[in-house]
Structure formats: structure tokens, C-alpha cells
N, C-alpha and C. Protein backbone atom coordinates (compact mmCIF):
# COMPACT_ATOMS: atom_id res chain seq x y z
N MET A 1 11.92 7.99 -21.04
CA MET A 1 12.57 7.60 -19.78
C MET A 1 12.32 8.62 -18.67
N GLU A 2 12.07 9.88 -19.04
CA GLU A 2 11.84 10.91 -18.03
C GLU A 2 10.59 10.62 -17.21
N HIS A 3 9.63 9.91 -17.83
CA HIS A 3 8.39 9.59 -17.13
C HIS A 3 8.55 8.41 -16.18
N LEU A 4 9.48 7.50 -16.47
CA LEU A 4 9.56 6.23 -15.75
C LEU A 4 10.13 6.40 -14.34
N LEU A 5 11.14 7.26 -14.18
CA LEU A 5 11.74 7.44 -12.86
C LEU A 5 10.75 8.04 -11.86
N PRO A 6 10.03 9.12 -12.21
CA PRO A 6 9.00 9.62 -11.28
C PRO A 6 7.92 8.59 -10.99
N LEU A 7 7.58 7.76 -11.99
CA LEU A 7 6.58 6.71 -11.78
C LEU A 7 7.08 5.69 -10.77
N PHE A 8 8.36 5.30 -10.88
CA PHE A 8 8.94 4.33 -9.94
C PHE A 8 8.99 4.92 -8.53
N VAL A 9 9.52 6.14 -8.41
CA VAL A 9 9.65 6.78 -7.09
C VAL A 9 8.29 7.02 -6.47
N GLY A 10 7.34 7.51 -7.27
CA GLY A 10 6.00 7.77 -6.75
C GLY A 10 5.30 6.50 -6.28
N THR A 11 5.40 5.44 -7.08
CA THR A 11 4.78 4.17 -6.69
C THR A 11 5.43 3.59 -5.45
N PHE A 12 6.76 3.59 -5.42
CA PHE A 12 7.50 3.03 -4.28
C PHE A 12 7.17 3.75 -2.98
N THR A 13 7.26 5.08 -2.99
CA THR A 13 7.03 5.84 -1.77
C THR A 13 5.57 5.76 -1.31
N THR A 14 4.64 5.79 -2.26
CA THR A 14 3.23 5.73 -1.89
C THR A 14 2.87 4.36 -1.32
N LEU A 15 3.33 3.29 -1.97
CA LEU A 15 3.07 1.94 -1.45
C LEU A 15 3.66 1.76 -0.06
N LEU A 16 4.90 2.23 0.10
CA LEU A 16 5.55 2.09 1.40
C LEU A 16 4.81 2.86 2.48
N ALA A 17 4.32 4.05 2.13
CA ALA A 17 3.57 4.86 3.10
C ALA A 17 2.22 4.23 3.42
N VAL A 18 1.55 3.68 2.40
CA VAL A 18 0.23 3.09 2.62
C VAL A 18 0.33 1.82 3.44
N VAL A 19 1.26 0.94 3.08
CA VAL A 19 1.42 -0.31 3.84
C VAL A 19 1.91 -0.01 5.25
N ASN A 20 2.86 0.94 5.37
CA ASN A 20 3.40 1.37 6.66
C ASN A 20 3.86 0.17 7.50
N PRO A 21 5.04 -0.36 7.21
CA PRO A 21 5.52 -1.54 7.94
C PRO A 21 5.60 -1.34 9.45
N LEU A 22 5.80 -0.09 9.91
CA LEU A 22 5.86 0.14 11.35
C LEU A 22 4.53 -0.17 12.02
N GLU A 23 3.42 0.06 11.30
CA GLU A 23 2.12 -0.24 11.87
C GLU A 23 1.88 -1.75 11.93
N ALA A 24 2.53 -2.49 11.02
CA ALA A 24 2.36 -3.94 10.99
C ALA A 24 3.22 -4.65 12.03
N LEU A 25 4.17 -3.93 12.63
CA LEU A 25 5.08 -4.57 13.58
C LEU A 25 4.38 -5.22 14.77
N PRO A 26 3.43 -4.54 15.44
CA PRO A 26 2.82 -5.16 16.63
C PRO A 26 2.12 -6.48 16.33
N VAL A 27 1.30 -6.52 15.26
CA VAL A 27 0.59 -7.77 14.95
C VAL A 27 1.57 -8.84 14.48
N PHE A 28 2.61 -8.43 13.77
CA PHE A 28 3.61 -9.41 13.33
C PHE A 28 4.31 -10.05 14.51
N LEU A 29 4.69 -9.23 15.49
CA LEU A 29 5.37 -9.76 16.66
C LEU A 29 4.44 -10.62 17.51
N SER A 30 3.15 -10.28 17.54
CA SER A 30 2.20 -11.10 18.30
C SER A 30 2.01 -12.45 17.63
N LEU A 31 2.05 -12.50 16.30
CA LEU A 31 1.93 -13.76 15.58
C LEU A 31 3.21 -14.59 15.70
N ALA A 32 4.34 -13.91 15.83
CA ALA A 32 5.62 -14.60 15.90
C ALA A 32 6.14 -14.73 17.32
N LYS A 33 5.22 -14.62 18.29
CA LYS A 33 5.62 -14.66 19.70
C LYS A 33 6.24 -16.01 20.04
N ASN A 34 7.31 -15.97 20.82
CA ASN A 34 8.01 -17.17 21.29
C ASN A 34 8.61 -17.98 20.15
N LYS A 35 8.86 -17.35 19.01
CA LYS A 35 9.50 -18.03 17.88
C LYS A 35 10.89 -17.45 17.67
N ASP A 36 11.82 -18.30 17.18
CA ASP A 36 13.19 -17.83 17.00
C ASP A 36 13.31 -16.96 15.75
N ALA A 37 14.48 -16.38 15.55
CA ALA A 37 14.69 -15.42 14.47
C ALA A 37 14.52 -16.06 13.10
N LYS A 38 14.88 -17.33 12.96
CA LYS A 38 14.77 -18.01 11.66
C LYS A 38 13.31 -18.16 11.26
N VAL A 39 12.48 -18.59 12.19
CA VAL A 39 11.04 -18.73 11.91
C VAL A 39 10.42 -17.38 11.63
N LEU A 40 10.85 -16.35 12.35
CA LEU A 40 10.34 -15.00 12.16
C LEU A 40 10.65 -14.49 10.76
N ARG A 41 11.88 -14.76 10.27
CA ARG A 41 12.25 -14.32 8.93
C ARG A 41 11.45 -15.07 7.86
N LYS A 42 11.19 -16.37 8.09
CA LYS A 42 10.40 -17.13 7.12
C LYS A 42 8.97 -16.60 7.05
N LEU A 43 8.41 -16.25 8.19
CA LEU A 43 7.06 -15.69 8.22
C LEU A 43 7.02 -14.35 7.50
N ALA A 44 8.04 -13.51 7.71
CA ALA A 44 8.11 -12.22 7.03
C ALA A 44 8.24 -12.40 5.53
N PHE A 45 9.05 -13.36 5.10
CA PHE A 45 9.24 -13.59 3.67
C PHE A 45 7.94 -14.07 3.01
N ARG A 46 7.25 -15.01 3.64
CA ARG A 46 6.02 -15.54 3.06
C ARG A 46 4.95 -14.46 2.96
N SER A 47 4.81 -13.65 4.00
CA SER A 47 3.78 -12.61 3.97
C SER A 47 4.07 -11.59 2.88
N CYS A 48 5.33 -11.17 2.72
CA CYS A 48 5.69 -10.21 1.67
C CYS A 48 5.53 -10.82 0.28
N PHE A 49 5.85 -12.11 0.15
CA PHE A 49 5.71 -12.79 -1.14
C PHE A 49 4.24 -12.88 -1.55
N TYR A 50 3.39 -13.25 -0.61
CA TYR A 50 1.95 -13.32 -0.91
C TYR A 50 1.41 -11.95 -1.31
N ALA A 51 1.80 -10.92 -0.57
CA ALA A 51 1.33 -9.57 -0.88
C ALA A 51 1.80 -9.12 -2.26
N LEU A 52 3.05 -9.46 -2.60
CA LEU A 52 3.59 -9.08 -3.91
C LEU A 52 2.83 -9.77 -5.04
N ILE A 53 2.50 -11.05 -4.86
CA ILE A 53 1.72 -11.78 -5.87
C ILE A 53 0.36 -11.11 -6.07
N LEU A 54 -0.29 -10.72 -4.97
CA LEU A 54 -1.59 -10.06 -5.07
C LEU A 54 -1.48 -8.72 -5.80
N ILE A 55 -0.44 -7.95 -5.49
CA ILE A 55 -0.26 -6.64 -6.12
C ILE A 55 -0.04 -6.79 -7.62
N ILE A 56 0.87 -7.69 -8.01
CA ILE A 56 1.18 -7.86 -9.43
C ILE A 56 -0.03 -8.42 -10.19
N SER A 57 -0.76 -9.33 -9.56
CA SER A 57 -1.97 -9.88 -10.21
C SER A 57 -2.98 -8.78 -10.47
N PHE A 58 -3.19 -7.92 -9.48
CA PHE A 58 -4.14 -6.83 -9.66
C PHE A 58 -3.60 -5.80 -10.65
N LEU A 59 -2.29 -5.60 -10.67
CA LEU A 59 -1.68 -4.67 -11.61
C LEU A 59 -1.91 -5.12 -13.05
N VAL A 60 -1.81 -6.43 -13.29
CA VAL A 60 -1.95 -6.97 -14.64
C VAL A 60 -3.42 -7.02 -15.07
N PHE A 61 -4.29 -7.46 -14.16
CA PHE A 61 -5.68 -7.70 -14.55
C PHE A 61 -6.65 -6.61 -14.08
N GLY A 62 -6.21 -5.73 -13.18
CA GLY A 62 -7.12 -4.73 -12.62
C GLY A 62 -7.67 -3.78 -13.66
N THR A 63 -6.77 -3.23 -14.50
CA THR A 63 -7.22 -2.30 -15.54
C THR A 63 -8.15 -2.98 -16.53
N LEU A 64 -7.86 -4.24 -16.86
CA LEU A 64 -8.72 -4.99 -17.78
C LEU A 64 -10.12 -5.15 -17.22
N ILE A 65 -10.21 -5.45 -15.94
CA ILE A 65 -11.53 -5.60 -15.30
C ILE A 65 -12.29 -4.28 -15.35
N LEU A 66 -11.59 -3.17 -15.09
CA LEU A 66 -12.25 -1.87 -15.14
C LEU A 66 -12.75 -1.55 -16.54
N GLN A 67 -11.97 -1.94 -17.56
CA GLN A 67 -12.39 -1.70 -18.93
C GLN A 67 -13.61 -2.53 -19.28
N ILE A 68 -13.68 -3.75 -18.76
CA ILE A 68 -14.84 -4.60 -19.01
C ILE A 68 -16.10 -3.96 -18.45
N PHE A 69 -15.99 -3.36 -17.27
CA PHE A 69 -17.15 -2.73 -16.64
C PHE A 69 -17.32 -1.27 -17.08
N GLY A 70 -16.44 -0.79 -17.94
CA GLY A 70 -16.57 0.56 -18.46
C GLY A 70 -16.33 1.67 -17.46
N VAL A 71 -15.41 1.47 -16.54
CA VAL A 71 -15.11 2.48 -15.52
C VAL A 71 -13.97 3.36 -16.01
N ASN A 72 -14.18 4.66 -16.00
CA ASN A 72 -13.17 5.62 -16.43
C ASN A 72 -12.04 5.67 -15.41
N LEU A 73 -10.78 5.69 -15.88
CA LEU A 73 -9.64 5.70 -14.97
C LEU A 73 -9.55 6.98 -14.16
N ALA A 74 -10.11 8.08 -14.69
CA ALA A 74 -10.13 9.32 -13.91
C ALA A 74 -10.98 9.13 -12.65
N MET A 75 -12.09 8.41 -12.79
CA MET A 75 -12.94 8.13 -11.63
C MET A 75 -12.21 7.24 -10.64
N VAL A 76 -11.43 6.28 -11.16
CA VAL A 76 -10.64 5.40 -10.28
C VAL A 76 -9.65 6.22 -9.48
N ARG A 77 -9.03 7.19 -10.15
CA ARG A 77 -8.05 8.02 -9.45
C ARG A 77 -8.72 8.84 -8.34
N ILE A 78 -9.92 9.36 -8.61
CA ILE A 78 -10.63 10.15 -7.60
C ILE A 78 -11.01 9.28 -6.41
N VAL A 79 -11.61 8.11 -6.70
CA VAL A 79 -12.01 7.20 -5.61
C VAL A 79 -10.79 6.72 -4.84
N GLY A 80 -9.70 6.40 -5.58
CA GLY A 80 -8.47 5.99 -4.91
C GLY A 80 -7.92 7.06 -4.00
N GLY A 81 -8.01 8.31 -4.45
CA GLY A 81 -7.56 9.42 -3.62
C GLY A 81 -8.37 9.56 -2.35
N ILE A 82 -9.71 9.36 -2.47
CA ILE A 82 -10.57 9.42 -1.29
C ILE A 82 -10.20 8.33 -0.30
N ILE A 83 -9.93 7.12 -0.82
CA ILE A 83 -9.53 6.01 0.06
C ILE A 83 -8.21 6.32 0.75
N LEU A 84 -7.25 6.85 -0.01
CA LEU A 84 -5.96 7.18 0.60
C LEU A 84 -6.10 8.27 1.66
N MET A 85 -6.96 9.26 1.40
CA MET A 85 -7.19 10.29 2.41
C MET A 85 -7.79 9.69 3.68
N LYS A 86 -8.74 8.78 3.51
CA LYS A 86 -9.36 8.12 4.67
C LYS A 86 -8.31 7.36 5.48
N ILE A 87 -7.46 6.60 4.78
CA ILE A 87 -6.40 5.85 5.46
C ILE A 87 -5.43 6.80 6.15
N GLY A 88 -5.08 7.89 5.47
CA GLY A 88 -4.17 8.86 6.05
C GLY A 88 -4.72 9.48 7.32
N PHE A 89 -6.01 9.84 7.31
CA PHE A 89 -6.64 10.41 8.51
C PHE A 89 -6.69 9.38 9.64
N ASP A 90 -6.97 8.11 9.28
CA ASP A 90 -7.01 7.05 10.31
C ASP A 90 -5.65 6.85 10.95
N LEU A 91 -4.58 6.96 10.13
CA LEU A 91 -3.23 6.82 10.68
C LEU A 91 -2.85 8.03 11.53
N PHE A 92 -3.26 9.21 11.07
CA PHE A 92 -2.90 10.44 11.78
C PHE A 92 -3.68 10.60 13.08
N MET A 93 -4.96 10.19 13.04
CA MET A 93 -5.81 10.30 14.22
C MET A 93 -6.46 8.95 14.50
N PRO A 94 -5.69 7.97 15.03
CA PRO A 94 -6.25 6.63 15.26
C PRO A 94 -7.39 6.67 16.25
N SER A 95 -8.40 5.80 16.02
CA SER A 95 -9.55 5.74 16.92
C SER A 95 -9.17 5.02 18.20
N SER A 96 -10.00 5.19 19.20
CA SER A 96 -9.75 4.55 20.50
C SER A 96 -9.87 3.04 20.41
N GLN A 97 -10.60 2.55 19.38
CA GLN A 97 -10.76 1.11 19.23
C GLN A 97 -9.57 0.47 18.55
N GLY A 98 -8.68 1.31 17.95
CA GLY A 98 -7.53 0.78 17.26
C GLY A 98 -7.85 0.49 15.82
N GLY A 99 -6.80 0.26 15.04
CA GLY A 99 -6.98 0.03 13.62
C GLY A 99 -7.14 -1.43 13.31
N ILE A 100 -6.79 -1.72 12.08
CA ILE A 100 -6.96 -3.09 11.60
C ILE A 100 -6.07 -4.06 12.35
N LEU A 101 -4.97 -3.57 12.89
CA LEU A 101 -4.05 -4.45 13.57
C LEU A 101 -4.65 -5.02 14.84
N ASN A 102 -5.39 -4.18 15.57
CA ASN A 102 -5.96 -4.64 16.82
C ASN A 102 -7.21 -5.49 16.62
N ASN A 103 -7.85 -5.29 15.45
CA ASN A 103 -9.05 -6.05 15.19
C ASN A 103 -8.78 -7.37 14.50
N SER A 104 -7.56 -7.56 14.02
CA SER A 104 -7.26 -8.79 13.31
C SER A 104 -7.09 -9.92 14.30
N SER A 105 -7.58 -11.07 13.91
CA SER A 105 -7.46 -12.25 14.77
C SER A 105 -6.03 -12.74 14.76
N THR A 106 -5.50 -13.02 15.92
CA THR A 106 -4.13 -13.49 16.01
C THR A 106 -4.04 -14.95 16.39
N ASP A 107 -5.20 -15.61 16.54
CA ASP A 107 -5.12 -17.02 16.88
C ASP A 107 -4.80 -17.85 15.66
N GLY A 108 -5.13 -17.33 14.45
CA GLY A 108 -4.72 -17.98 13.23
C GLY A 108 -5.58 -19.13 12.82
N GLY A 109 -6.10 -19.93 13.79
CA GLY A 109 -6.87 -21.12 13.44
C GLY A 109 -6.00 -22.06 12.63
N ASN A 110 -6.58 -22.58 11.54
CA ASN A 110 -5.83 -23.45 10.66
C ASN A 110 -5.24 -22.69 9.48
N SER A 111 -5.47 -21.37 9.39
CA SER A 111 -4.99 -20.60 8.26
C SER A 111 -3.55 -20.16 8.50
N ASP A 112 -2.90 -19.79 7.41
CA ASP A 112 -1.52 -19.33 7.48
C ASP A 112 -1.52 -17.84 7.84
N PRO A 113 -0.96 -17.45 8.97
CA PRO A 113 -0.96 -16.03 9.35
C PRO A 113 -0.17 -15.17 8.38
N ALA A 114 0.71 -15.78 7.56
CA ALA A 114 1.44 -15.00 6.57
C ALA A 114 0.50 -14.46 5.50
N PHE A 115 -0.60 -15.20 5.23
CA PHE A 115 -1.56 -14.73 4.23
C PHE A 115 -2.64 -13.87 4.87
N VAL A 116 -3.25 -14.38 5.94
CA VAL A 116 -4.27 -13.63 6.69
C VAL A 116 -3.85 -13.63 8.15
N PRO A 117 -3.61 -12.49 8.78
CA PRO A 117 -3.94 -11.13 8.31
C PRO A 117 -2.77 -10.34 7.73
N LEU A 118 -1.55 -10.92 7.64
CA LEU A 118 -0.40 -10.10 7.27
C LEU A 118 -0.46 -9.63 5.81
N ALA A 119 -0.51 -10.59 4.87
CA ALA A 119 -0.56 -10.20 3.46
C ALA A 119 -1.88 -9.54 3.12
N LEU A 120 -2.96 -10.14 3.59
CA LEU A 120 -4.32 -9.63 3.34
C LEU A 120 -5.07 -9.57 4.66
N PRO A 121 -5.47 -8.40 5.15
CA PRO A 121 -5.54 -7.12 4.44
C PRO A 121 -4.47 -6.09 4.81
N ILE A 122 -3.49 -6.45 5.68
CA ILE A 122 -2.56 -5.43 6.17
C ILE A 122 -1.67 -4.89 5.05
N MET A 123 -1.08 -5.80 4.25
CA MET A 123 -0.18 -5.36 3.18
C MET A 123 -0.90 -5.14 1.86
N PHE A 124 -2.03 -5.79 1.68
CA PHE A 124 -2.78 -5.65 0.43
C PHE A 124 -4.22 -5.31 0.77
N GLY A 125 -4.44 -4.01 1.00
CA GLY A 125 -5.77 -3.53 1.35
C GLY A 125 -6.26 -2.50 0.36
N PRO A 126 -7.31 -1.77 0.71
CA PRO A 126 -7.87 -0.76 -0.20
C PRO A 126 -6.87 0.31 -0.62
N GLY A 127 -5.99 0.71 0.30
CA GLY A 127 -5.01 1.73 -0.04
C GLY A 127 -4.05 1.27 -1.12
N VAL A 128 -3.62 0.01 -1.05
CA VAL A 128 -2.71 -0.53 -2.07
C VAL A 128 -3.43 -0.63 -3.41
N LEU A 129 -4.68 -1.09 -3.38
CA LEU A 129 -5.46 -1.16 -4.62
C LEU A 129 -5.57 0.22 -5.25
N ALA A 130 -5.88 1.22 -4.43
CA ALA A 130 -6.02 2.58 -4.95
C ALA A 130 -4.70 3.09 -5.51
N THR A 131 -3.60 2.77 -4.83
CA THR A 131 -2.29 3.22 -5.29
C THR A 131 -1.93 2.60 -6.63
N VAL A 132 -2.11 1.27 -6.75
CA VAL A 132 -1.76 0.58 -7.99
C VAL A 132 -2.59 1.10 -9.15
N LEU A 133 -3.90 1.23 -8.94
CA LEU A 133 -4.76 1.73 -10.01
C LEU A 133 -4.45 3.19 -10.33
N GLY A 134 -4.18 3.99 -9.29
CA GLY A 134 -3.84 5.39 -9.52
C GLY A 134 -2.58 5.54 -10.34
N MET A 135 -1.58 4.71 -10.07
CA MET A 135 -0.33 4.80 -10.81
C MET A 135 -0.49 4.28 -12.24
N THR A 136 -1.36 3.31 -12.47
CA THR A 136 -1.57 2.81 -13.83
C THR A 136 -2.20 3.89 -14.71
N THR A 137 -2.92 4.82 -14.11
CA THR A 137 -3.50 5.90 -14.90
C THR A 137 -2.45 6.91 -15.35
N MET A 138 -1.23 6.81 -14.84
CA MET A 138 -0.18 7.75 -15.20
C MET A 138 0.69 7.22 -16.34
N LYS A 139 0.27 6.11 -16.96
CA LYS A 139 1.03 5.56 -18.09
C LYS A 139 0.96 6.52 -19.27
N THR A 140 2.04 6.57 -20.03
CA THR A 140 2.05 7.39 -21.23
C THR A 140 1.79 6.51 -22.45
N ALA A 141 1.24 7.10 -23.48
CA ALA A 141 0.89 6.34 -24.68
C ALA A 141 2.13 5.69 -25.28
N GLY A 142 2.00 4.41 -25.64
CA GLY A 142 3.10 3.67 -26.24
C GLY A 142 4.06 3.07 -25.25
N LYS A 143 3.88 3.35 -23.95
CA LYS A 143 4.78 2.82 -22.93
C LYS A 143 4.02 2.06 -21.84
N GLU A 144 2.86 1.52 -22.20
CA GLU A 144 2.02 0.86 -21.19
C GLU A 144 2.73 -0.33 -20.55
N ILE A 145 3.32 -1.20 -21.38
CA ILE A 145 3.99 -2.40 -20.86
C ILE A 145 5.19 -2.01 -20.00
N LEU A 146 5.97 -1.04 -20.47
CA LEU A 146 7.14 -0.59 -19.71
C LEU A 146 6.72 0.03 -18.39
N SER A 147 5.63 0.76 -18.40
CA SER A 147 5.14 1.39 -17.17
C SER A 147 4.69 0.34 -16.16
N VAL A 148 4.01 -0.70 -16.65
CA VAL A 148 3.59 -1.79 -15.76
C VAL A 148 4.79 -2.47 -15.14
N ILE A 149 5.85 -2.67 -15.94
CA ILE A 149 7.09 -3.29 -15.42
C ILE A 149 7.71 -2.41 -14.35
N VAL A 150 7.73 -1.10 -14.57
CA VAL A 150 8.30 -0.16 -13.60
C VAL A 150 7.51 -0.21 -12.29
N ILE A 151 6.17 -0.22 -12.39
CA ILE A 151 5.33 -0.31 -11.19
C ILE A 151 5.58 -1.61 -10.45
N ALA A 152 5.74 -2.71 -11.21
CA ALA A 152 6.02 -4.02 -10.59
C ALA A 152 7.35 -4.00 -9.85
N PHE A 153 8.38 -3.38 -10.43
CA PHE A 153 9.68 -3.28 -9.76
C PHE A 153 9.58 -2.40 -8.51
N ALA A 154 8.76 -1.36 -8.57
CA ALA A 154 8.56 -0.52 -7.39
C ALA A 154 7.89 -1.32 -6.28
N ALA A 155 6.93 -2.19 -6.65
CA ALA A 155 6.28 -3.05 -5.66
C ALA A 155 7.27 -4.04 -5.06
N ILE A 156 8.17 -4.57 -5.89
CA ILE A 156 9.20 -5.50 -5.39
C ILE A 156 10.12 -4.79 -4.40
N ALA A 157 10.55 -3.57 -4.76
CA ALA A 157 11.43 -2.80 -3.87
C ALA A 157 10.72 -2.48 -2.55
N CYS A 158 9.43 -2.15 -2.64
CA CYS A 158 8.66 -1.86 -1.43
C CYS A 158 8.58 -3.08 -0.52
N MET A 159 8.29 -4.25 -1.11
CA MET A 159 8.18 -5.47 -0.31
C MET A 159 9.52 -5.89 0.28
N LEU A 160 10.61 -5.56 -0.41
CA LEU A 160 11.94 -5.85 0.12
C LEU A 160 12.19 -5.05 1.40
N VAL A 161 11.82 -3.76 1.36
CA VAL A 161 11.97 -2.91 2.55
C VAL A 161 11.10 -3.43 3.69
N ILE A 162 9.86 -3.81 3.36
CA ILE A 162 8.94 -4.32 4.38
C ILE A 162 9.46 -5.63 4.97
N PHE A 163 10.02 -6.50 4.11
CA PHE A 163 10.59 -7.75 4.61
C PHE A 163 11.71 -7.50 5.61
N LEU A 164 12.62 -6.58 5.27
CA LEU A 164 13.73 -6.27 6.18
C LEU A 164 13.21 -5.68 7.49
N THR A 165 12.15 -4.86 7.39
CA THR A 165 11.56 -4.26 8.60
C THR A 165 10.97 -5.34 9.50
N LEU A 166 10.23 -6.28 8.91
CA LEU A 166 9.61 -7.33 9.70
C LEU A 166 10.63 -8.35 10.21
N ALA A 167 11.63 -8.64 9.38
CA ALA A 167 12.64 -9.62 9.77
C ALA A 167 13.41 -9.17 11.00
N TYR A 168 13.58 -7.84 11.13
CA TYR A 168 14.31 -7.29 12.28
C TYR A 168 13.35 -6.50 13.18
N ALA A 169 12.11 -6.97 13.24
CA ALA A 169 11.07 -6.26 13.98
C ALA A 169 11.41 -6.10 15.46
N GLN A 170 11.93 -7.16 16.07
CA GLN A 170 12.23 -7.10 17.49
C GLN A 170 13.27 -6.03 17.81
N LYS A 171 14.30 -5.94 16.97
CA LYS A 171 15.34 -4.92 17.20
C LYS A 171 14.79 -3.52 16.98
N ILE A 172 13.93 -3.36 15.97
CA ILE A 172 13.38 -2.03 15.66
C ILE A 172 12.50 -1.54 16.81
N VAL A 173 11.61 -2.41 17.28
CA VAL A 173 10.72 -2.04 18.38
C VAL A 173 11.52 -1.73 19.64
N ARG A 174 12.56 -2.50 19.85
CA ARG A 174 13.40 -2.28 21.04
C ARG A 174 14.09 -0.92 20.99
N ARG A 175 14.45 -0.48 19.79
CA ARG A 175 15.21 0.77 19.66
C ARG A 175 14.30 2.00 19.67
N ILE A 176 13.21 1.98 18.90
CA ILE A 176 12.39 3.21 18.80
C ILE A 176 11.21 3.21 19.76
N GLY A 177 10.80 2.04 20.26
CA GLY A 177 9.74 1.98 21.25
C GLY A 177 8.36 2.26 20.67
N GLU A 178 7.33 2.08 21.50
CA GLU A 178 5.95 2.25 21.05
C GLU A 178 5.65 3.71 20.71
N LYS A 179 6.20 4.65 21.48
CA LYS A 179 5.96 6.06 21.19
C LYS A 179 6.58 6.47 19.86
N GLY A 180 7.74 5.91 19.55
CA GLY A 180 8.38 6.21 18.28
C GLY A 180 7.56 5.69 17.11
N ILE A 181 7.01 4.48 17.26
CA ILE A 181 6.15 3.91 16.22
C ILE A 181 4.91 4.76 16.04
N ASP A 182 4.32 5.21 17.15
CA ASP A 182 3.11 6.02 17.08
C ASP A 182 3.39 7.36 16.38
N ALA A 183 4.50 8.00 16.73
CA ALA A 183 4.83 9.28 16.11
C ALA A 183 5.10 9.12 14.61
N THR A 184 5.84 8.07 14.24
CA THR A 184 6.13 7.82 12.83
C THR A 184 4.87 7.53 12.04
N THR A 185 3.96 6.75 12.65
CA THR A 185 2.71 6.41 11.98
C THR A 185 1.88 7.66 11.70
N ARG A 186 1.85 8.59 12.66
CA ARG A 186 1.08 9.83 12.45
C ARG A 186 1.68 10.68 11.33
N ILE A 187 3.01 10.74 11.28
CA ILE A 187 3.66 11.50 10.21
C ILE A 187 3.36 10.88 8.86
N VAL A 188 3.48 9.55 8.79
CA VAL A 188 3.16 8.83 7.55
C VAL A 188 1.71 9.08 7.14
N GLY A 189 0.81 9.08 8.12
CA GLY A 189 -0.60 9.32 7.84
C GLY A 189 -0.84 10.66 7.19
N PHE A 190 -0.12 11.68 7.65
CA PHE A 190 -0.26 13.01 7.06
C PHE A 190 0.12 12.99 5.58
N PHE A 191 1.25 12.34 5.26
CA PHE A 191 1.68 12.31 3.86
C PHE A 191 0.79 11.42 3.00
N VAL A 192 0.23 10.35 3.57
CA VAL A 192 -0.71 9.52 2.81
C VAL A 192 -1.94 10.33 2.44
N ALA A 193 -2.46 11.12 3.40
CA ALA A 193 -3.62 11.98 3.12
C ALA A 193 -3.28 13.01 2.04
N THR A 194 -2.05 13.54 2.08
CA THR A 194 -1.63 14.50 1.06
C THR A 194 -1.58 13.85 -0.32
N MET A 195 -1.04 12.62 -0.39
CA MET A 195 -1.00 11.89 -1.66
C MET A 195 -2.40 11.63 -2.19
N GLY A 196 -3.32 11.31 -1.27
CA GLY A 196 -4.71 11.09 -1.67
C GLY A 196 -5.33 12.34 -2.26
N MET A 197 -5.05 13.49 -1.66
CA MET A 197 -5.56 14.75 -2.17
C MET A 197 -5.01 15.04 -3.56
N GLY A 198 -3.73 14.69 -3.78
CA GLY A 198 -3.13 14.88 -5.09
C GLY A 198 -3.80 14.02 -6.15
N LEU A 199 -4.12 12.76 -5.81
CA LEU A 199 -4.82 11.88 -6.75
C LEU A 199 -6.20 12.43 -7.08
N ILE A 200 -6.90 12.95 -6.07
CA ILE A 200 -8.24 13.52 -6.30
C ILE A 200 -8.14 14.71 -7.25
N PHE A 201 -7.17 15.59 -7.02
CA PHE A 201 -7.02 16.78 -7.85
C PHE A 201 -6.75 16.40 -9.31
N HIS A 202 -5.76 15.52 -9.52
CA HIS A 202 -5.42 15.12 -10.89
C HIS A 202 -6.56 14.34 -11.54
N GLY A 203 -7.28 13.56 -10.75
CA GLY A 203 -8.43 12.83 -11.28
C GLY A 203 -9.53 13.76 -11.73
N LEU A 204 -9.78 14.81 -10.95
CA LEU A 204 -10.81 15.79 -11.32
C LEU A 204 -10.42 16.53 -12.60
N VAL A 205 -9.14 16.92 -12.69
CA VAL A 205 -8.68 17.62 -13.90
C VAL A 205 -8.83 16.72 -15.12
N GLU A 206 -8.42 15.46 -14.98
CA GLU A 206 -8.53 14.51 -16.10
C GLU A 206 -9.99 14.27 -16.47
N PHE A 207 -10.86 14.18 -15.47
CA PHE A 207 -12.28 13.96 -15.72
C PHE A 207 -12.89 15.13 -16.48
N LEU A 208 -12.57 16.36 -16.06
CA LEU A 208 -13.10 17.54 -16.72
C LEU A 208 -12.59 17.66 -18.16
N GLN A 209 -11.31 17.31 -18.37
CA GLN A 209 -10.76 17.35 -19.71
C GLN A 209 -11.36 16.27 -20.60
N THR A 210 -11.60 15.09 -20.03
CA THR A 210 -12.18 13.99 -20.81
C THR A 210 -13.55 14.32 -21.32
N TYR A 211 -14.35 14.96 -20.46
CA TYR A 211 -15.73 15.29 -20.84
C TYR A 211 -15.86 16.73 -21.33
N ARG A 212 -14.70 17.32 -21.71
CA ARG A 212 -14.67 18.62 -22.37
C ARG A 212 -15.34 19.73 -21.56
N VAL A 213 -15.09 19.72 -20.27
CA VAL A 213 -15.56 20.80 -19.41
C VAL A 213 -14.48 21.84 -19.31
N ALA A 214 -14.81 23.08 -19.55
CA ALA A 214 -13.80 24.15 -19.57
C ALA A 214 -13.19 24.33 -18.20
N ILE A 215 -11.85 24.42 -18.17
CA ILE A 215 -11.12 24.67 -16.92
C ILE A 215 -10.51 26.08 -17.01
N PRO A 216 -10.90 26.98 -16.11
CA PRO A 216 -10.38 28.36 -16.20
C PRO A 216 -8.88 28.41 -15.98
């Protein structure tokens, strides 16, 4: 049980930092423009539900796919850490062209905006994939199923927080303003980059131990 609580907290905080609901607020509000609060809450619920289904599906089948292709989980942790560092730097130092939010199409066409772009790729992107796979490598022997359940509950808790953030997006933006969102996003970016560096470090140590390379 001592392993499960850190796994839950680590997965929850990392997912929340990677998804960063504050960054999703502008595109969410643009998609929900001129809609009442009830419609806005339904859109928030559908987008979080779709993202949760994608996360759990990848959590269950992702490791199996890696085993089929013979990919070592230590390598997954290293690559995941690199991806998280890239996302963290992008959040901390956004480009003049803007991030994924500004590049996402908001006209929607005939597609459901709750799935594209909200659930995919804003809530379920490379950073989330890296986080889920990175956390699955922290399972202890004999507790694989329990660890997967803990990670799934952490994902549910994360999506609950994101749902509440999006459901009350108008009030949040009104209170903290664009500068507040920008400052929070930069702080989150710093910690995401730090988490990525941690995954790289532990992945390297695991890789060296797996292939019996001496560590001083």
C-alpha cells in the first residue's frame, strides 16, 4: 500500500499539469461562445468523458502493444520524459505563433468539438501518453492490476477537476484574467519540465541496470 499512494498522487498531479485546464479555457470558451451555462457544462462533460475513455484504453492496451513490438519500458520512460520536457518548455516560453489552442480549428465542421479539438489533442496528447506509460513503469511486482486501477482512479480525479474548471470557465477567466492564466501556465510549464527530467533520470538508471552497466 505504501507504493500506491505516491503512484496516485504522482499520476494525478502530472496529468493535471500536462493537460493544464487553464490553457484549455480560451479554446473552450471560443467553442462555447453564445451558449448558455447548461450547454457549456454538457460540452465540458463530453470532452472530459472522451478523454478519460482514451486514457483508460491506452492504459490497458498501451503496455501490451509495447511488449508486442519489444520496446523496453525504460526507453519509454526516457522518451516520455523528453516529451514532457518539450511540453514544459513550450508552456514556460510560448512561441509567438501560439500553442495548440490557437492552431486548433474552432469552426468544428460536422465534427463534435468535445472530441476534436478538446478531448483530442488538448486533453489527450503526447504528454498524457508519456505520463500514462511512465507511471505504468512504476508498477511493483505482483501489484500490476492494482496499480492500473490506481492510475485509472487518478485519471478520473484529474478529469473531474478539469470538468469543474471548464464548467465554470467564464467565472474563472473573469476572476483571474488573461495575465493570471498566462502566469499560471508558465509556472505549470516549469514543473512539467521538471517532471520530465525526473522521468529521464529514472529511465536512464533503469536502462543501465537492465543492461548491467555499472553505476558509480
